[in-house]
Protein backbone atom coordinates (compact mmCIF):
# COMPACT_ATOMS: atom_id res chain seq x y z
CA MET A 1 -68.75 -28.42 38.59
CA LYS A 2 -68.29 -28.78 35.16
CA LEU A 3 -65.94 -26.82 33.52
CA PRO A 4 -66.00 -28.09 29.42
CA GLY A 5 -62.09 -28.23 28.45
CA PHE A 6 -61.16 -28.19 32.05
CA ASP A 7 -59.72 -31.72 33.82
CA ARG A 8 -60.71 -32.27 37.24
CA GLU A 9 -57.22 -31.02 38.44
CA GLN A 10 -57.33 -27.53 36.77
CA GLN A 11 -60.90 -27.43 38.39
CA ARG A 12 -59.52 -28.11 41.62
CA LEU A 13 -56.71 -24.96 40.82
CA LEU A 14 -59.54 -23.19 39.28
CA VAL A 15 -61.86 -23.18 42.49
CA LEU A 16 -58.70 -22.98 44.76
CA LEU A 17 -57.37 -19.67 43.04
CA VAL A 18 -61.12 -18.01 43.45
CA ARG A 19 -61.25 -19.03 47.22
CA LEU A 20 -57.69 -17.29 47.98
CA HIS A 21 -57.81 -14.52 45.93
CA ILE A 22 -59.12 -12.18 49.04
CA GLY A 23 -58.20 -12.31 52.97
CA ILE A 24 -55.79 -13.53 55.05
CA LEU A 25 -53.87 -16.39 53.06
CA LYS A 26 -52.95 -19.23 55.52
CA MET A 27 -50.74 -21.77 54.07
CA THR A 28 -53.12 -24.49 55.93
CA ASP A 29 -55.59 -23.55 53.59
CA LEU A 30 -53.08 -24.70 50.09
CA VAL A 31 -54.41 -28.44 48.82
CA LYS A 32 -51.82 -30.41 47.12
CA PHE A 33 -52.02 -30.76 43.67
CA ALA A 34 -50.10 -33.71 41.46
CA ARG A 35 -49.60 -31.68 38.56
CA TYR A 36 -48.78 -28.09 40.34
CA ASP A 37 -45.98 -27.12 42.60
CA GLU A 38 -46.94 -25.74 45.69
CA ARG A 39 -44.56 -22.22 44.54
CA ASP A 40 -46.46 -22.24 41.59
CA VAL A 41 -49.69 -22.10 43.37
CA LEU A 42 -48.85 -19.08 45.52
CA SER A 43 -47.42 -17.30 42.48
CA LEU A 44 -50.58 -18.22 40.70
CA ILE A 45 -52.77 -16.87 44.31
CA ARG A 46 -50.41 -13.57 44.22
CA LEU A 47 -50.88 -12.43 40.69
CA LEU A 48 -54.91 -12.97 40.51
CA ARG A 49 -54.18 -10.73 44.17
CA LEU A 50 -52.20 -8.20 42.27
CA ALA A 51 -54.72 -8.20 39.27
CA VAL A 52 -57.93 -7.80 41.37
CA ILE A 53 -56.19 -4.59 43.21
CA LEU A 54 -54.90 -3.41 40.17
CA ASN A 55 -58.27 -3.61 38.50
CA LYS A 56 -60.06 -1.85 41.73
CA SER A 57 -57.61 1.14 41.33
CA ARG A 58 -58.11 1.33 37.63
CA GLN A 59 -62.00 1.62 38.48
CA ALA A 60 -61.18 4.31 41.07
CA THR A 61 -59.59 6.65 39.65
CA ASP A 62 -60.55 9.52 36.86
CA LYS A 63 -58.89 9.95 33.56
CA THR A 64 -56.70 13.16 34.36
CA GLN A 65 -54.14 12.85 31.08
CA LYS A 66 -53.14 10.72 28.20
CA SER A 67 -49.57 9.90 28.51
CA PRO A 68 -47.66 7.04 26.83
CA SER A 69 -47.44 3.87 29.43
CA LYS A 70 -45.79 0.64 29.31
CA LEU A 71 -46.67 -1.80 32.25
CA THR A 72 -43.88 -4.79 31.86
CA ALA A 73 -44.33 -8.17 34.10
CA LEU A 74 -41.49 -10.28 34.65
CA LEU A 75 -42.55 -13.80 36.38
CA ARG A 76 -40.14 -16.14 37.33
CA ILE A 77 -40.78 -20.15 38.33
CA GLY A 78 -37.88 -22.57 38.26
CA HIS A 79 -35.94 -22.16 35.41
CA TRP A 80 -38.54 -20.89 33.56
CA SER A 81 -39.22 -17.00 32.91
CA LEU A 82 -40.79 -14.59 31.03
CA ASN A 83 -40.34 -10.56 30.12
CA LYS A 84 -43.51 -9.57 28.82
CA VAL A 85 -45.02 -6.06 28.11
CA ILE A 86 -48.84 -6.24 28.95
CA LEU A 87 -50.04 -2.63 27.96
CA ASN A 88 -48.34 -0.26 25.65
CA THR A 89 -50.41 2.49 24.53
CA THR A 90 -49.34 5.92 22.84
CA HIS A 91 -52.27 8.77 22.75
């Protein structure tokens, strides 16, 4: 597989994320990475699964009213945390 800009380990991670983003997640399906901790990989899989669910529900709903909305994501990995507004709309 050729993905310019991604090294081999990053490509393996992308392949794993795509393969495990649906279906039943078994811990035996996870592969070891030199650079990525298993908990971080599990967090990425969960985030991708959540994104897929949110995208599907977004496509299935009709627009009924316009109202201000704000969506904030809080991500904690070890001692590192990110609190980021990912959607902020005012109509």
